[in-house]
Amino acid sequence: MQFNSFEFAFFFILVLAGAIVLARHVRARNIMLLAASYVFYGYVHPWFCLLLAASTLLDYAAGLAIQRVPGRRKLWLLLSVLGNLGMLGTFKYYNFFAVNLQAALAGLGLRVSLPVLRTLLPVGISFYTFQTLSYTIDVYRGRLAPRRRLSDFALFVSFFPQLVAGPIERAANLLPQIERERTLDAGRIETALYLLVWGYFKKLVVADNLALFVDRIFLMPDPPGLALWAGAAGFAVQLFADFSAYTDIARGAARLLGFELMRNFRAPFAASNPGDFWNRWHISLTTWIRDYVYRALPGSASSRAGALRNQVIVFALFGLWHGAGWNFILWGLYYGMAAVIYLAAFRPWTRKIRARWFAALSVVFWFLLNTVGALLFRQQDLGMLARYFTRNPLLHTPEQAVLGLGLLGVVAGFSAPLLLQAALRPHWERLGVARPALAWACLAAVAFLGSEGGIEFVYFAF
């Protein structure tokens, strides 16, 4: 079920009404939300719910067993890791590895026909497997007590606002909210509505309309250099608007139900270096990888060389998490190498420069580097990527130059409201009557300029 659909609007009104009626009955309210979450997830493909339930039961049992059978703690942790990564690997990565292994063997003269899966990738599997896996790891590390009430734990795994595209919540944040009575005040309702309005504006007005221009560029058999890079910059903005819109809608819907989800973005295009960017972009995933992968790798804390090596490893995994394709692996390696080069060569002297002009220049330079990353993310054909990166981007006719400049103007126009929101956010509480005026302006833009809905969120593919 898509957030940008009439079905979801009707569904959410019913769920919100039920949550209000059951406000003082915590257990009944949780069971209602659990049932609603499974309806939401299985709306189009009911069999998806079987995998969600399997992951839930596995980690529920593992958490209890780790506490009750201390001698087999590692065994239960291993079962959780293998079970969750096994499901994720089977449905998301098996075909990719099977096809590439078959091609590699054919190159050696071995003709092997490997079976392929002909099933859909379950939406959100990369998100909820990481969420439930972190619970078991935290129980194993002694940072969290295992939960005995299955319905509460199942709601933690399946809570529908953030189920299919995050944020990837930690049990220490979400479970206590599930277990206690939730109350709403006028202030929280107001901020929840603002999040919903802003989220739908970013999705329907910015992301979906910008996608029309970006898609046309990448459908061209040989886009001229300036138009290509305008398309890459446009996709970077589209991706942020689309993904952060989902997060805002998720946070707004959850807040109306009495839950507070973590922020997943903090003005990422204001970043001035790789570390700054990843502290602002997809925060729930970057902190997950930091806490459960990077810090567990040998050498991360003991040596500079080990820390730099592990940066490349985790960014390659970060890319692979996004999709089963070589372009995603290259995308991860690109950011890994950018982080290593910055840490090893640039950070020691750039930290000494305090001038504002240098800070502004760093933001622009890093956005240009992000544009390269956006191109790697968007184009899955390695042959086309090779053509893009081996030709002179300045070679084009005057007409093509005008086209490219016009497209850059379109990208700048769609970026303007995002920049305005980032500038206003620190002063939001002091805006007074301007807040509802801005909200009504966003709603008017959705009504007159927004897409008709139905365009899938980009991160539903992951």
Foldseek 3Di string as FASTA:
>chain_A
DFPQDPVVVVLLVVLLVVLVVCLPPLVVNLLSLLVSLLCLQPVPPNCLVVLLVVLLVLLLVLLVCVVVPVVCNVVSLVSLVCVLVVVVCQQFAPQLVQVVVQVVVVVVVDHDDDDDDPDHRRAQSLQLSLLSSLASVCSNVVNDHRDDDSSLSSCSSRRRLARRQDPNDHCVAFSVQSPDRFDDDPVLLVLLLLLLLQLLLLAFFQQVVLVVQLVVQVVDPDAALLQPLLSLLSLLSNQCSLSQSSVSNSQSSVSSSRGHGDRQAQPLLLDLALVSNCCGHRVSVSVSCVVPPQVPDPPCPPDPVSVLVSLQVSLLVVLVSQHSAVLSSVLSNLSSVRNSCCVPPPPVPVVVDDDPVSSVVSSVVVSSSVSLSSVSVPDRDVVVVVVSVPDDNPDDDPVSVVVSVVSNVVSVVSCVVVVVCSVCVVVVVVPPPVSVVVSVVSVVCCVPRTDSDPPHRPSSSD
